[in-house]
Amino acid sequence: MRPITPSDQPFLWEMLYLTLYVQPGKPPFPRSILDDPDIACYVKGWGRTGDWGLLACDGEAPTGAIWLRQWSWEERGYGYVSPLIPEVSIALLPEYRNMGLGRRMFEKVIETAQTNHPGLSLSVVESSPARRLYERLGFRKVGKVMDSLVMLLEWKNNA
């Protein structure tokens, strides 16, 4: 794994597309969904203050990404909880899923984030299999936006 840099933004756009959960039997979203400001805000202008993340790589080739973005009340993602708590997004190329890589990426981000933030938030479609991973990592439901849960992980010393 290595830190994400502004030059990784094209790969982050691909990962953003892969974060969009498609229920089995449903057609994939059109690529144009990435032009929706509510979706694009997760990657657009990557490298601003508070942006941080990791790329998983197989050799030099990126295979997945996990990234944090802090929001203000005016500009926020679906998993917004507080301007002090960044929202985390994660995606892996399909051939790298279900191998424990996502969990290892999350564990590294959590370890690093604990020194700078009181917690992490995310949004996940309620029926997404990823929800189980988030719950095992300690995320708990704190709200709902449309068909997605807002989940929060706070460090034990903040509870």
N, C-alpha and C. Protein backbone atom coordinates (compact mmCIF):
# COMPACT_ATOMS: atom_id res chain seq x y z
N MET A 1 0.85 -1.18 0.00
CA MET A 1 0.00 0.00 0.00
C MET A 1 0.89 1.24 0.00
N ARG A 2 0.37 2.28 -0.61
CA ARG A 2 1.10 3.54 -0.62
C ARG A 2 0.09 4.69 -0.55
N PRO A 3 0.54 5.87 -0.10
CA PRO A 3 -0.38 7.02 -0.04
C PRO A 3 -0.88 7.43 -1.42
N ILE A 4 -2.10 7.91 -1.47
CA ILE A 4 -2.67 8.45 -2.70
C ILE A 4 -2.09 9.83 -2.92
N THR A 5 -1.75 10.12 -4.17
CA THR A 5 -1.25 11.44 -4.55
C THR A 5 -2.23 12.06 -5.55
N PRO A 6 -2.13 13.37 -5.77
CA PRO A 6 -3.02 13.99 -6.77
C PRO A 6 -2.93 13.34 -8.15
N SER A 7 -1.79 12.78 -8.50
CA SER A 7 -1.66 12.13 -9.81
C SER A 7 -2.46 10.83 -9.90
N ASP A 8 -2.94 10.32 -8.77
CA ASP A 8 -3.76 9.11 -8.76
C ASP A 8 -5.24 9.40 -9.01
N GLN A 9 -5.59 10.65 -9.23
CA GLN A 9 -7.00 11.01 -9.37
C GLN A 9 -7.73 10.21 -10.46
N PRO A 10 -7.13 9.93 -11.63
CA PRO A 10 -7.86 9.10 -12.61
C PRO A 10 -8.26 7.73 -12.05
N PHE A 11 -7.37 7.10 -11.30
CA PHE A 11 -7.73 5.81 -10.70
C PHE A 11 -8.80 5.99 -9.63
N LEU A 12 -8.74 7.09 -8.89
CA LEU A 12 -9.77 7.35 -7.88
C LEU A 12 -11.15 7.47 -8.52
N TRP A 13 -11.23 8.07 -9.70
CA TRP A 13 -12.53 8.15 -10.39
C TRP A 13 -13.06 6.75 -10.70
N GLU A 14 -12.16 5.85 -11.12
CA GLU A 14 -12.58 4.47 -11.38
C GLU A 14 -13.05 3.82 -10.09
N MET A 15 -12.32 4.03 -9.01
CA MET A 15 -12.71 3.46 -7.72
C MET A 15 -14.04 4.05 -7.25
N LEU A 16 -14.24 5.34 -7.47
CA LEU A 16 -15.52 5.96 -7.10
C LEU A 16 -16.66 5.26 -7.81
N TYR A 17 -16.50 4.98 -9.09
CA TYR A 17 -17.54 4.27 -9.83
C TYR A 17 -17.81 2.90 -9.19
N LEU A 18 -16.74 2.23 -8.76
CA LEU A 18 -16.90 0.90 -8.16
C LEU A 18 -17.48 0.96 -6.74
N THR A 19 -17.50 2.13 -6.10
CA THR A 19 -18.15 2.22 -4.78
C THR A 19 -19.67 2.17 -4.90
N LEU A 20 -20.19 2.39 -6.08
CA LEU A 20 -21.65 2.46 -6.27
C LEU A 20 -22.21 1.05 -6.32
N TYR A 21 -22.87 0.65 -5.25
CA TYR A 21 -23.39 -0.71 -5.13
C TYR A 21 -24.55 -0.92 -6.10
N VAL A 22 -24.45 -2.00 -6.87
CA VAL A 22 -25.51 -2.41 -7.79
C VAL A 22 -26.07 -3.73 -7.27
N GLN A 23 -27.35 -3.73 -6.98
CA GLN A 23 -27.97 -4.96 -6.47
C GLN A 23 -27.93 -6.04 -7.53
N PRO A 24 -27.77 -7.30 -7.11
CA PRO A 24 -27.73 -8.41 -8.08
C PRO A 24 -28.95 -8.37 -9.00
N GLY A 25 -28.67 -8.59 -10.29
CA GLY A 25 -29.73 -8.61 -11.29
C GLY A 25 -30.08 -7.24 -11.85
N LYS A 26 -29.53 -6.19 -11.28
CA LYS A 26 -29.80 -4.83 -11.77
C LYS A 26 -28.69 -4.42 -12.73
N PRO A 27 -29.00 -3.55 -13.70
CA PRO A 27 -27.95 -3.09 -14.61
C PRO A 27 -27.01 -2.11 -13.90
N PRO A 28 -25.75 -2.05 -14.32
CA PRO A 28 -24.82 -1.10 -13.70
C PRO A 28 -25.24 0.34 -13.99
N PHE A 29 -24.80 1.24 -13.15
CA PHE A 29 -25.06 2.66 -13.38
C PHE A 29 -24.35 3.11 -14.64
N PRO A 30 -24.91 4.08 -15.37
CA PRO A 30 -24.15 4.64 -16.50
C PRO A 30 -22.94 5.41 -15.96
N ARG A 31 -21.87 5.43 -16.71
CA ARG A 31 -20.65 6.14 -16.27
C ARG A 31 -20.93 7.63 -16.03
N SER A 32 -21.93 8.15 -16.68
CA SER A 32 -22.26 9.57 -16.53
C SER A 32 -22.70 9.92 -15.10
N ILE A 33 -22.99 8.91 -14.29
CA ILE A 33 -23.36 9.19 -12.89
C ILE A 33 -22.22 9.90 -12.16
N LEU A 34 -21.00 9.71 -12.63
CA LEU A 34 -19.85 10.37 -12.00
C LEU A 34 -19.87 11.89 -12.21
N ASP A 35 -20.72 12.36 -13.13
CA ASP A 35 -20.87 13.80 -13.34
C ASP A 35 -21.84 14.42 -12.35
N ASP A 36 -22.61 13.61 -11.64
CA ASP A 36 -23.54 14.11 -10.64
C ASP A 36 -22.74 14.75 -9.51
N PRO A 37 -23.00 16.03 -9.19
CA PRO A 37 -22.21 16.69 -8.14
C PRO A 37 -22.23 15.97 -6.80
N ASP A 38 -23.32 15.28 -6.47
CA ASP A 38 -23.40 14.54 -5.20
C ASP A 38 -22.49 13.32 -5.18
N ILE A 39 -22.10 12.85 -6.36
CA ILE A 39 -21.17 11.72 -6.47
C ILE A 39 -19.75 12.25 -6.70
N ALA A 40 -19.62 13.18 -7.63
CA ALA A 40 -18.30 13.71 -8.01
C ALA A 40 -17.55 14.33 -6.84
N CYS A 41 -18.28 14.84 -5.86
CA CYS A 41 -17.63 15.54 -4.74
C CYS A 41 -16.67 14.63 -3.96
N TYR A 42 -16.79 13.33 -4.11
CA TYR A 42 -15.91 12.42 -3.39
C TYR A 42 -14.49 12.39 -3.95
N VAL A 43 -14.31 12.83 -5.19
CA VAL A 43 -12.98 12.78 -5.82
C VAL A 43 -12.58 14.13 -6.42
N LYS A 44 -13.53 14.89 -6.87
CA LYS A 44 -13.22 16.15 -7.56
C LYS A 44 -12.27 17.01 -6.72
N GLY A 45 -11.21 17.48 -7.36
CA GLY A 45 -10.25 18.33 -6.68
C GLY A 45 -9.41 17.60 -5.65
N TRP A 46 -9.19 16.30 -5.85
CA TRP A 46 -8.45 15.51 -4.87
C TRP A 46 -7.12 16.18 -4.53
N GLY A 47 -6.80 16.16 -3.25
CA GLY A 47 -5.55 16.73 -2.77
C GLY A 47 -5.76 17.96 -1.93
N ARG A 48 -7.01 18.31 -1.68
CA ARG A 48 -7.28 19.48 -0.84
C ARG A 48 -6.98 19.15 0.62
N THR A 49 -6.96 20.15 1.48
CA THR A 49 -6.69 19.95 2.90
C THR A 49 -7.65 18.91 3.48
N GLY A 50 -7.11 17.94 4.19
CA GLY A 50 -7.93 16.90 4.81
C GLY A 50 -8.08 15.65 3.98
N ASP A 51 -7.73 15.70 2.68
CA ASP A 51 -7.80 14.51 1.84
C ASP A 51 -6.63 13.60 2.16
N TRP A 52 -6.91 12.32 2.32
CA TRP A 52 -5.85 11.35 2.59
C TRP A 52 -6.36 9.96 2.25
N GLY A 53 -5.47 9.11 1.81
CA GLY A 53 -5.87 7.75 1.54
C GLY A 53 -4.72 6.89 1.10
N LEU A 54 -5.05 5.63 0.82
CA LEU A 54 -4.06 4.64 0.42
C LEU A 54 -4.52 3.92 -0.83
N LEU A 55 -3.55 3.60 -1.68
CA LEU A 55 -3.78 2.71 -2.81
C LEU A 55 -3.21 1.35 -2.45
N ALA A 56 -3.95 0.31 -2.75
CA ALA A 56 -3.41 -1.05 -2.71
C ALA A 56 -2.86 -1.33 -4.09
N CYS A 57 -1.71 -1.97 -4.15
CA CYS A 57 -1.07 -2.23 -5.44
C CYS A 57 -0.63 -3.67 -5.52
N ASP A 58 -0.66 -4.19 -6.73
CA ASP A 58 -0.09 -5.48 -7.06
C ASP A 58 1.11 -5.16 -7.94
N GLY A 59 2.29 -5.15 -7.33
CA GLY A 59 3.46 -4.61 -8.02
C GLY A 59 3.26 -3.10 -8.12
N GLU A 60 3.32 -2.58 -9.32
CA GLU A 60 3.08 -1.15 -9.55
C GLU A 60 1.63 -0.84 -9.89
N ALA A 61 0.85 -1.86 -10.20
CA ALA A 61 -0.53 -1.65 -10.66
C ALA A 61 -1.49 -1.47 -9.48
N PRO A 62 -2.22 -0.35 -9.45
CA PRO A 62 -3.19 -0.16 -8.37
C PRO A 62 -4.35 -1.15 -8.49
N THR A 63 -4.78 -1.67 -7.34
CA THR A 63 -5.85 -2.66 -7.31
C THR A 63 -7.05 -2.20 -6.48
N GLY A 64 -6.86 -1.15 -5.69
CA GLY A 64 -7.94 -0.65 -4.85
C GLY A 64 -7.53 0.63 -4.18
N ALA A 65 -8.50 1.30 -3.60
CA ALA A 65 -8.23 2.57 -2.91
C ALA A 65 -9.16 2.71 -1.73
N ILE A 66 -8.63 3.35 -0.70
CA ILE A 66 -9.43 3.76 0.45
C ILE A 66 -9.04 5.20 0.73
N TRP A 67 -10.04 6.08 0.83
CA TRP A 67 -9.71 7.48 0.98
C TRP A 67 -10.67 8.20 1.92
N LEU A 68 -10.12 9.24 2.56
CA LEU A 68 -10.86 10.06 3.52
C LEU A 68 -11.04 11.44 2.94
N ARG A 69 -12.21 12.00 3.18
CA ARG A 69 -12.47 13.39 2.80
C ARG A 69 -13.27 14.03 3.91
N GLN A 70 -12.82 15.20 4.34
CA GLN A 70 -13.54 15.96 5.36
C GLN A 70 -14.47 16.94 4.67
N TRP A 71 -15.63 17.12 5.29
CA TRP A 71 -16.68 17.95 4.69
C TRP A 71 -17.04 19.10 5.62
N SER A 72 -17.51 20.16 5.03
CA SER A 72 -18.18 21.21 5.79
C SER A 72 -19.68 20.90 5.73
N TRP A 73 -20.46 21.62 6.51
CA TRP A 73 -21.91 21.41 6.47
C TRP A 73 -22.46 21.73 5.08
N GLU A 74 -21.90 22.75 4.43
CA GLU A 74 -22.39 23.18 3.13
C GLU A 74 -22.07 22.17 2.02
N GLU A 75 -20.89 21.56 2.11
CA GLU A 75 -20.49 20.57 1.12
C GLU A 75 -20.23 19.28 1.87
N ARG A 76 -21.10 18.31 1.67
CA ARG A 76 -20.95 17.08 2.43
C ARG A 76 -21.38 15.88 1.60
N GLY A 77 -20.83 14.73 1.98
CA GLY A 77 -21.19 13.49 1.33
C GLY A 77 -22.35 12.82 2.02
N TYR A 78 -22.75 11.69 1.51
CA TYR A 78 -23.89 10.95 2.05
C TYR A 78 -23.64 10.45 3.47
N GLY A 79 -22.38 10.22 3.82
CA GLY A 79 -22.05 9.70 5.14
C GLY A 79 -21.61 10.77 6.12
N TYR A 80 -21.95 12.02 5.84
CA TYR A 80 -21.51 13.14 6.69
C TYR A 80 -22.08 13.01 8.11
N VAL A 81 -21.20 13.23 9.10
CA VAL A 81 -21.59 13.22 10.50
C VAL A 81 -21.20 14.53 11.17
N SER A 82 -19.98 15.01 10.86
CA SER A 82 -19.44 16.20 11.52
C SER A 82 -18.26 16.70 10.70
N PRO A 83 -17.98 18.01 10.76
CA PRO A 83 -16.78 18.50 10.06
C PRO A 83 -15.48 17.96 10.67
N LEU A 84 -15.54 17.41 11.88
CA LEU A 84 -14.35 16.85 12.52
C LEU A 84 -14.10 15.39 12.14
N ILE A 85 -15.11 14.74 11.57
CA ILE A 85 -15.03 13.31 11.28
C ILE A 85 -15.04 13.11 9.76
N PRO A 86 -13.92 12.65 9.20
CA PRO A 86 -13.90 12.43 7.76
C PRO A 86 -14.74 11.23 7.36
N GLU A 87 -15.23 11.31 6.13
CA GLU A 87 -15.97 10.19 5.55
C GLU A 87 -14.99 9.33 4.76
N VAL A 88 -15.10 8.04 4.90
CA VAL A 88 -14.20 7.11 4.23
C VAL A 88 -14.94 6.42 3.08
N SER A 89 -14.23 6.24 1.98
CA SER A 89 -14.73 5.49 0.83
C SER A 89 -13.70 4.43 0.49
N ILE A 90 -14.18 3.30 -0.01
CA ILE A 90 -13.26 2.20 -0.36
C ILE A 90 -13.82 1.45 -1.56
N ALA A 91 -12.91 1.01 -2.42
CA ALA A 91 -13.29 0.15 -3.54
C ALA A 91 -12.07 -0.67 -3.96
N LEU A 92 -12.36 -1.83 -4.46
CA LEU A 92 -11.33 -2.73 -4.98
C LEU A 92 -11.75 -3.17 -6.37
N LEU A 93 -10.78 -3.41 -7.24
CA LEU A 93 -11.11 -4.03 -8.51
C LEU A 93 -11.76 -5.38 -8.22
N PRO A 94 -12.74 -5.79 -9.02
CA PRO A 94 -13.49 -7.02 -8.72
C PRO A 94 -12.63 -8.24 -8.46
N GLU A 95 -11.54 -8.40 -9.19
CA GLU A 95 -10.71 -9.60 -9.02
C GLU A 95 -9.90 -9.60 -7.73
N TYR A 96 -9.93 -8.50 -6.97
CA TYR A 96 -9.20 -8.43 -5.70
C TYR A 96 -10.14 -8.42 -4.48
N ARG A 97 -11.41 -8.65 -4.72
CA ARG A 97 -12.37 -8.66 -3.62
C ARG A 97 -12.41 -10.03 -2.93
N ASN A 98 -12.93 -10.04 -1.71
CA ASN A 98 -13.12 -11.28 -0.93
C ASN A 98 -11.81 -12.01 -0.66
N MET A 99 -10.74 -11.23 -0.46
CA MET A 99 -9.43 -11.81 -0.16
C MET A 99 -8.86 -11.22 1.13
N GLY A 100 -9.64 -10.40 1.84
CA GLY A 100 -9.17 -9.77 3.06
C GLY A 100 -8.44 -8.46 2.85
N LEU A 101 -8.27 -8.05 1.61
CA LEU A 101 -7.54 -6.82 1.32
C LEU A 101 -8.29 -5.59 1.83
N GLY A 102 -9.59 -5.54 1.64
CA GLY A 102 -10.38 -4.40 2.12
C GLY A 102 -10.26 -4.23 3.62
N ARG A 103 -10.30 -5.32 4.34
CA ARG A 103 -10.16 -5.26 5.80
C ARG A 103 -8.78 -4.74 6.20
N ARG A 104 -7.74 -5.24 5.54
CA ARG A 104 -6.38 -4.77 5.84
C ARG A 104 -6.24 -3.28 5.53
N MET A 105 -6.85 -2.83 4.44
CA MET A 105 -6.79 -1.41 4.09
C MET A 105 -7.49 -0.59 5.17
N PHE A 106 -8.68 -1.04 5.58
CA PHE A 106 -9.42 -0.34 6.63
C PHE A 106 -8.63 -0.29 7.92
N GLU A 107 -8.03 -1.40 8.31
CA GLU A 107 -7.27 -1.43 9.56
C GLU A 107 -6.12 -0.43 9.54
N LYS A 108 -5.44 -0.31 8.41
CA LYS A 108 -4.33 0.65 8.29
C LYS A 108 -4.87 2.09 8.37
N VAL A 109 -5.97 2.37 7.71
CA VAL A 109 -6.54 3.72 7.74
C VAL A 109 -7.03 4.05 9.14
N ILE A 110 -7.67 3.12 9.80
CA ILE A 110 -8.16 3.36 11.17
C ILE A 110 -6.98 3.65 12.09
N GLU A 111 -5.93 2.86 11.98
CA GLU A 111 -4.74 3.07 12.82
C GLU A 111 -4.18 4.49 12.62
N THR A 112 -4.10 4.92 11.37
CA THR A 112 -3.56 6.25 11.07
C THR A 112 -4.53 7.35 11.48
N ALA A 113 -5.81 7.16 11.22
CA ALA A 113 -6.82 8.19 11.50
C ALA A 113 -6.97 8.46 13.00
N GLN A 114 -6.71 7.46 13.83
CA GLN A 114 -6.88 7.63 15.27
C GLN A 114 -5.99 8.73 15.84
N THR A 115 -4.91 9.05 15.17
CA THR A 115 -4.01 10.09 15.68
C THR A 115 -4.49 11.49 15.30
N ASN A 116 -5.42 11.60 14.35
CA ASN A 116 -5.82 12.91 13.84
C ASN A 116 -7.31 13.22 13.93
N HIS A 117 -8.14 12.21 14.15
CA HIS A 117 -9.59 12.40 14.06
C HIS A 117 -10.30 11.66 15.19
N PRO A 118 -11.48 12.13 15.61
CA PRO A 118 -12.22 11.43 16.67
C PRO A 118 -12.97 10.19 16.17
N GLY A 119 -13.02 9.99 14.86
CA GLY A 119 -13.72 8.85 14.30
C GLY A 119 -13.74 8.92 12.79
N LEU A 120 -14.45 7.97 12.19
CA LEU A 120 -14.66 7.91 10.75
C LEU A 120 -16.13 7.62 10.49
N SER A 121 -16.63 8.14 9.37
CA SER A 121 -18.00 7.84 8.98
C SER A 121 -18.00 7.28 7.56
N LEU A 122 -19.12 6.71 7.17
CA LEU A 122 -19.30 6.22 5.81
C LEU A 122 -20.78 6.06 5.55
N SER A 123 -21.10 5.86 4.29
CA SER A 123 -22.47 5.49 3.93
C SER A 123 -22.40 4.18 3.15
N VAL A 124 -23.42 3.37 3.33
CA VAL A 124 -23.47 2.07 2.66
C VAL A 124 -24.93 1.71 2.41
N VAL A 125 -25.20 1.20 1.23
CA VAL A 125 -26.54 0.71 0.93
C VAL A 125 -26.85 -0.41 1.92
N GLU A 126 -28.01 -0.34 2.50
CA GLU A 126 -28.38 -1.27 3.58
C GLU A 126 -28.20 -2.74 3.19
N SER A 127 -28.48 -3.08 1.93
CA SER A 127 -28.39 -4.48 1.49
C SER A 127 -27.01 -4.87 0.97
N SER A 128 -26.05 -3.96 0.98
CA SER A 128 -24.71 -4.26 0.46
C SER A 128 -23.98 -5.25 1.37
N PRO A 129 -23.32 -6.25 0.78
CA PRO A 129 -22.53 -7.17 1.58
C PRO A 129 -21.39 -6.47 2.34
N ALA A 130 -20.92 -5.32 1.87
CA ALA A 130 -19.86 -4.57 2.55
C ALA A 130 -20.28 -4.14 3.95
N ARG A 131 -21.56 -4.01 4.16
CA ARG A 131 -22.05 -3.59 5.48
C ARG A 131 -21.54 -4.50 6.59
N ARG A 132 -21.47 -5.80 6.32
CA ARG A 132 -20.99 -6.75 7.33
C ARG A 132 -19.54 -6.44 7.74
N LEU A 133 -18.70 -6.11 6.76
CA LEU A 133 -17.31 -5.75 7.08
C LEU A 133 -17.29 -4.52 7.97
N TYR A 134 -18.06 -3.52 7.62
CA TYR A 134 -18.07 -2.28 8.41
C TYR A 134 -18.51 -2.55 9.84
N GLU A 135 -19.52 -3.38 10.00
CA GLU A 135 -19.99 -3.71 11.35
C GLU A 135 -18.92 -4.49 12.13
N ARG A 136 -18.22 -5.41 11.48
CA ARG A 136 -17.14 -6.15 12.15
C ARG A 136 -16.01 -5.22 12.57
N LEU A 137 -15.79 -4.15 11.81
CA LEU A 137 -14.75 -3.18 12.16
C LEU A 137 -15.19 -2.24 13.28
N GLY A 138 -16.48 -2.28 13.64
CA GLY A 138 -16.96 -1.46 14.74
C GLY A 138 -17.84 -0.29 14.35
N PHE A 139 -18.10 -0.12 13.06
CA PHE A 139 -19.00 0.95 12.63
C PHE A 139 -20.42 0.62 13.10
N ARG A 140 -21.16 1.65 13.52
CA ARG A 140 -22.55 1.46 13.93
C ARG A 140 -23.43 2.46 13.20
N LYS A 141 -24.67 2.06 12.99
CA LYS A 141 -25.63 2.90 12.29
C LYS A 141 -25.97 4.12 13.14
N VAL A 142 -25.89 5.32 12.54
CA VAL A 142 -26.27 6.55 13.23
C VAL A 142 -27.30 7.36 12.45
N GLY A 143 -27.68 6.88 11.27
CA GLY A 143 -28.67 7.60 10.47
C GLY A 143 -28.94 6.88 9.17
N LYS A 144 -29.79 7.51 8.37
CA LYS A 144 -30.16 6.94 7.08
C LYS A 144 -30.39 8.08 6.10
N VAL A 145 -29.85 7.92 4.89
CA VAL A 145 -30.06 8.87 3.81
C VAL A 145 -30.52 8.07 2.61
N MET A 146 -31.76 8.28 2.19
CA MET A 146 -32.37 7.51 1.11
C MET A 146 -32.27 6.02 1.46
N ASP A 147 -31.63 5.20 0.58
CA ASP A 147 -31.54 3.76 0.87
C ASP A 147 -30.20 3.38 1.49
N SER A 148 -29.46 4.38 1.97
CA SER A 148 -28.14 4.12 2.56
C SER A 148 -28.12 4.41 4.05
N LEU A 149 -27.35 3.60 4.76
CA LEU A 149 -27.13 3.83 6.18
C LEU A 149 -25.93 4.77 6.33
N VAL A 150 -26.00 5.64 7.30
CA VAL A 150 -24.84 6.43 7.72
C VAL A 150 -24.27 5.69 8.92
N MET A 151 -22.99 5.36 8.84
CA MET A 151 -22.35 4.58 9.91
C MET A 151 -21.16 5.35 10.46
N LEU A 152 -20.90 5.14 11.74
CA LEU A 152 -19.86 5.88 12.45
C LEU A 152 -19.01 4.91 13.25
N LEU A 153 -17.71 5.16 13.21
CA LEU A 153 -16.76 4.46 14.06
C LEU A 153 -16.05 5.51 14.90
N GLU A 154 -16.24 5.43 16.23
CA GLU A 154 -15.56 6.35 17.13
C GLU A 154 -14.55 5.54 17.92
N TRP A 155 -13.44 6.16 18.25
CA TRP A 155 -12.41 5.47 19.02
C TRP A 155 -12.88 5.29 20.46
N LYS A 156 -12.45 4.24 21.07
CA LYS A 156 -12.87 3.91 22.44
C LYS A 156 -12.63 5.04 23.42
N ASN A 157 -11.52 5.79 23.24
CA ASN A 157 -11.23 6.87 24.18
C ASN A 157 -12.16 8.06 24.01
N ASN A 158 -13.02 8.05 22.98
CA ASN A 158 -13.98 9.13 22.77
C ASN A 158 -15.39 8.73 23.21
N ALA A 159 -15.59 7.47 23.52
CA ALA A 159 -16.95 7.00 23.83
C ALA A 159 -17.34 7.39 25.24
